[in-house]
N, C-alpha and C. Protein backbone atom coordinates (compact mmCIF):
# COMPACT_ATOMS: atom_id res chain seq x y z
N UNK A 1 155.51 94.67 94.17
CA UNK A 1 154.13 95.07 93.89
C UNK A 1 153.68 94.34 92.53
N UNK A 2 152.50 93.96 92.62
CA UNK A 2 151.93 93.30 91.38
C UNK A 2 151.25 94.32 90.58
N UNK A 3 151.34 94.22 89.28
CA UNK A 3 150.82 95.11 88.21
C UNK A 3 149.89 94.48 87.54
N UNK A 4 148.55 94.68 87.86
CA UNK A 4 147.41 94.20 87.19
C UNK A 4 147.02 94.71 85.83
N UNK A 5 147.79 95.73 85.22
CA UNK A 5 147.49 96.23 83.95
C UNK A 5 146.51 97.25 83.91
N UNK A 6 145.99 97.71 84.89
CA UNK A 6 144.95 98.66 84.85
C UNK A 6 145.39 99.82 85.82
N UNK A 7 145.55 101.04 85.24
CA UNK A 7 145.98 102.14 86.04
C UNK A 7 144.89 103.09 86.12
N UNK A 8 145.17 104.09 86.99
CA UNK A 8 144.09 105.27 87.06
C UNK A 8 143.62 105.82 85.80
N UNK A 9 144.60 106.12 84.78
CA UNK A 9 144.21 106.80 83.52
C UNK A 9 143.35 105.85 82.72
N UNK A 10 143.44 104.51 82.74
CA UNK A 10 142.78 103.42 82.03
C UNK A 10 141.42 103.46 82.66
N UNK A 11 141.23 103.67 83.95
CA UNK A 11 140.02 103.64 84.45
C UNK A 11 139.10 104.87 84.26
N UNK A 12 139.87 105.92 84.16
CA UNK A 12 139.27 107.20 83.93
C UNK A 12 138.62 107.10 82.34
N UNK A 13 139.55 106.50 81.55
CA UNK A 13 139.21 106.62 80.13
C UNK A 13 138.02 105.63 79.87
N UNK A 14 137.94 104.47 80.63
CA UNK A 14 136.93 103.61 80.71
C UNK A 14 135.49 104.14 81.19
N UNK A 15 135.60 104.96 82.26
CA UNK A 15 134.32 105.65 82.71
C UNK A 15 133.87 106.63 81.78
N UNK A 16 134.71 107.19 80.81
CA UNK A 16 134.16 108.13 79.99
C UNK A 16 133.52 107.63 78.78
N UNK A 17 133.60 106.33 78.47
CA UNK A 17 132.97 105.63 77.31
C UNK A 17 131.50 105.48 77.54
N UNK A 18 130.81 105.76 76.48
CA UNK A 18 129.32 105.73 76.67
C UNK A 18 128.77 104.39 77.12
N UNK A 19 129.48 103.41 76.48
CA UNK A 19 128.75 102.15 76.79
C UNK A 19 129.12 101.70 78.17
N UNK A 20 130.02 102.03 78.84
CA UNK A 20 130.19 101.96 80.31
C UNK A 20 129.20 102.66 81.12
N UNK A 21 129.02 103.75 80.83
CA UNK A 21 128.03 104.59 81.39
C UNK A 21 126.60 103.97 81.19
N UNK A 22 126.21 103.43 80.06
CA UNK A 22 125.07 102.72 79.82
C UNK A 22 125.04 101.54 80.60
N UNK A 23 126.02 100.88 80.61
CA UNK A 23 126.07 99.65 81.41
C UNK A 23 125.71 99.88 82.83
N UNK A 24 126.29 100.87 83.53
CA UNK A 24 126.22 101.32 85.01
C UNK A 24 124.72 101.47 85.18
N UNK A 25 124.16 102.40 84.45
CA UNK A 25 122.68 102.70 84.30
C UNK A 25 121.85 101.58 84.34
N UNK A 26 122.16 100.65 83.42
CA UNK A 26 121.32 99.51 83.22
C UNK A 26 121.50 98.50 84.47
N UNK A 27 122.61 98.50 84.95
CA UNK A 27 122.88 97.61 86.30
C UNK A 27 122.06 98.09 87.32
N UNK A 28 121.97 99.57 87.63
CA UNK A 28 121.46 100.11 88.73
C UNK A 28 119.87 100.03 88.60
N UNK A 29 119.48 100.15 87.34
CA UNK A 29 118.06 99.91 87.00
C UNK A 29 117.71 98.68 87.39
N UNK A 30 118.55 97.68 87.15
CA UNK A 30 118.01 96.32 87.34
C UNK A 30 117.89 96.10 88.86
N UNK A 31 118.71 96.57 89.73
CA UNK A 31 118.79 96.45 91.09
C UNK A 31 117.52 97.08 91.63
N UNK A 32 117.11 98.35 91.17
CA UNK A 32 115.95 99.06 91.57
C UNK A 32 114.90 98.20 91.13
N UNK A 33 114.67 97.90 90.15
CA UNK A 33 113.55 96.96 89.57
C UNK A 33 113.47 95.72 90.46
N UNK A 34 114.56 95.10 90.82
CA UNK A 34 114.36 93.83 91.62
C UNK A 34 113.97 94.22 93.05
N UNK A 35 114.32 95.30 93.60
CA UNK A 35 113.84 95.74 94.96
C UNK A 35 112.46 96.02 94.99
N UNK A 36 111.93 96.68 93.87
CA UNK A 36 110.61 97.20 93.78
C UNK A 36 109.74 95.86 93.66
N UNK A 37 110.24 95.01 92.85
CA UNK A 37 109.39 93.81 92.57
C UNK A 37 109.30 92.90 93.89
N UNK A 38 110.27 92.81 94.64
CA UNK A 38 110.23 92.22 95.98
C UNK A 38 109.22 92.89 96.80
N UNK A 39 109.22 94.20 96.93
CA UNK A 39 108.10 94.75 97.90
C UNK A 39 106.73 94.55 97.25
N UNK A 40 106.72 94.72 95.93
CA UNK A 40 105.29 94.40 95.26
C UNK A 40 104.85 93.00 95.54
N UNK A 41 105.72 92.04 95.62
CA UNK A 41 105.27 90.63 95.90
C UNK A 41 104.96 90.47 97.45
N UNK A 42 105.64 91.12 98.16
CA UNK A 42 105.27 91.03 99.69
C UNK A 42 104.06 91.55 99.97
N UNK A 43 103.77 92.97 99.26
CA UNK A 43 102.41 93.61 99.59
C UNK A 43 101.31 92.77 99.05
N UNK A 44 101.40 92.29 97.81
CA UNK A 44 100.31 91.58 97.21
C UNK A 44 100.16 90.25 97.75
N UNK A 45 101.23 89.64 98.32
CA UNK A 45 101.14 88.56 99.15
C UNK A 45 100.10 88.62 100.33
N UNK A 46 100.43 89.80 100.89
CA UNK A 46 99.63 90.07 102.20
C UNK A 46 98.23 90.43 101.87
N UNK A 47 98.00 91.21 100.81
CA UNK A 47 96.56 91.73 100.48
C UNK A 47 95.74 90.58 99.92
N UNK A 48 96.38 89.71 99.15
CA UNK A 48 95.60 88.65 98.34
C UNK A 48 95.45 87.36 99.05
N UNK A 49 96.29 87.00 99.95
CA UNK A 49 96.21 85.60 100.54
C UNK A 49 96.77 84.66 99.62
N UNK A 50 97.04 83.36 100.18
CA UNK A 50 97.72 82.57 99.33
C UNK A 50 97.04 81.98 98.18
N UNK A 51 95.82 81.89 97.99
CA UNK A 51 95.07 81.20 96.87
C UNK A 51 95.15 82.21 95.68
N UNK A 52 94.80 83.45 96.01
CA UNK A 52 94.76 84.32 94.90
C UNK A 52 96.20 84.84 94.43
N UNK A 53 96.99 85.01 95.53
CA UNK A 53 98.54 85.16 95.13
C UNK A 53 99.09 84.13 94.10
N UNK A 54 98.76 83.07 94.42
CA UNK A 54 99.27 81.98 93.54
C UNK A 54 98.62 82.13 92.14
N UNK A 55 97.39 82.59 91.98
CA UNK A 55 96.79 82.91 90.70
C UNK A 55 97.51 84.02 89.97
N UNK A 56 97.92 85.03 90.83
CA UNK A 56 98.60 86.30 90.29
C UNK A 56 99.86 85.98 89.82
N UNK A 57 100.66 85.11 90.51
CA UNK A 57 101.93 84.52 90.07
C UNK A 57 101.95 83.70 88.88
N UNK A 58 101.00 82.87 88.64
CA UNK A 58 100.65 82.07 87.53
C UNK A 58 100.57 82.93 86.39
N UNK A 59 99.52 84.03 86.50
CA UNK A 59 99.30 84.85 85.30
C UNK A 59 100.48 85.57 84.91
N UNK A 60 101.30 86.27 85.80
CA UNK A 60 102.47 86.87 85.40
C UNK A 60 103.52 85.88 84.87
N UNK A 61 103.68 84.80 85.39
CA UNK A 61 104.63 83.72 84.78
C UNK A 61 104.16 83.57 83.35
N UNK A 62 102.82 83.38 83.04
CA UNK A 62 102.39 83.00 81.72
C UNK A 62 102.56 84.21 80.82
N UNK A 63 102.41 85.40 81.28
CA UNK A 63 102.76 86.58 80.37
C UNK A 63 104.24 86.60 80.06
N UNK A 64 104.99 86.39 80.96
CA UNK A 64 106.47 86.41 80.77
C UNK A 64 106.94 85.33 79.85
N UNK A 65 106.25 84.17 79.76
CA UNK A 65 106.54 83.18 78.77
C UNK A 65 105.98 83.41 77.40
N UNK A 66 104.83 84.18 77.30
CA UNK A 66 104.53 84.70 76.09
C UNK A 66 105.22 85.79 75.53
N UNK A 67 105.94 86.45 76.28
CA UNK A 67 106.72 87.62 75.88
C UNK A 67 108.15 87.21 75.15
N UNK A 68 108.42 85.98 75.57
CA UNK A 68 109.83 85.61 74.99
C UNK A 68 109.83 85.63 73.43
N UNK A 69 108.83 85.04 72.74
CA UNK A 69 108.93 85.12 71.21
C UNK A 69 109.00 86.44 70.64
N UNK A 70 108.22 87.38 71.43
CA UNK A 70 108.12 88.86 70.83
C UNK A 70 109.41 89.44 71.03
N UNK A 71 110.00 89.11 72.10
CA UNK A 71 111.49 89.85 72.38
C UNK A 71 112.42 89.30 71.42
N UNK A 72 112.46 88.06 71.23
CA UNK A 72 113.29 87.37 70.19
C UNK A 72 113.20 87.94 68.73
N UNK A 73 112.04 88.21 68.48
CA UNK A 73 111.85 88.91 67.00
C UNK A 73 112.23 90.36 67.07
N UNK A 74 112.11 91.01 68.14
CA UNK A 74 112.65 92.30 68.29
C UNK A 74 113.98 92.45 68.22
N UNK A 75 114.71 91.54 68.94
CA UNK A 75 116.12 91.57 68.96
C UNK A 75 116.69 91.19 67.57
N UNK A 76 116.10 90.23 66.93
CA UNK A 76 116.63 89.81 65.54
C UNK A 76 116.52 91.01 64.65
N UNK A 77 115.33 91.74 64.67
CA UNK A 77 115.03 92.89 63.74
C UNK A 77 116.09 93.99 64.16
N UNK A 78 116.46 94.17 65.36
CA UNK A 78 117.47 95.34 65.63
C UNK A 78 118.96 94.77 65.23
N UNK A 79 119.15 93.56 65.17
CA UNK A 79 120.51 93.08 64.70
C UNK A 79 120.47 93.27 63.28
N UNK A 80 119.45 92.78 62.53
CA UNK A 80 119.45 92.92 61.03
C UNK A 80 119.45 94.33 60.58
N UNK A 81 118.84 95.26 61.39
CA UNK A 81 118.70 96.61 60.97
C UNK A 81 120.12 97.23 61.10
N UNK A 82 120.82 96.95 62.26
CA UNK A 82 122.12 97.42 62.50
C UNK A 82 123.11 97.01 61.34
N UNK A 83 122.98 95.69 60.98
CA UNK A 83 123.96 95.18 59.88
C UNK A 83 123.71 95.85 58.67
N UNK A 84 122.39 96.18 58.37
CA UNK A 84 122.02 96.71 57.26
C UNK A 84 122.56 98.10 57.11
N UNK A 85 122.20 98.79 58.22
CA UNK A 85 122.82 100.24 58.45
C UNK A 85 124.34 100.20 58.18
N UNK A 86 125.19 99.35 58.87
CA UNK A 86 126.65 99.15 58.64
C UNK A 86 126.91 99.04 57.32
N UNK A 87 126.23 98.28 56.56
CA UNK A 87 126.54 98.02 55.14
C UNK A 87 126.31 99.14 54.31
N UNK A 88 125.43 100.06 54.55
CA UNK A 88 125.23 101.19 54.00
C UNK A 88 126.28 102.33 54.21
N UNK A 89 126.72 102.22 55.20
CA UNK A 89 128.02 103.30 55.57
C UNK A 89 129.21 102.98 54.87
């Protein structure tokens, strides 16, 4: 029998950790978001037609491109605040 190094007790202790539960919630949320996004695009494609749907997709893409710098600044600020908080402790 091959021992992969992970037993039932290790799996139970992994499931009880908060970061694992958060990761599972995040994963399921991503799946639900992608499914809803798929249906949104199908419905909007039928309602708007090819020309206006193309404009909608272009606007959404532009907004996503413009959000990237804002998200980067937010992540950098969160990292620096976490490092600062750790130094105070």
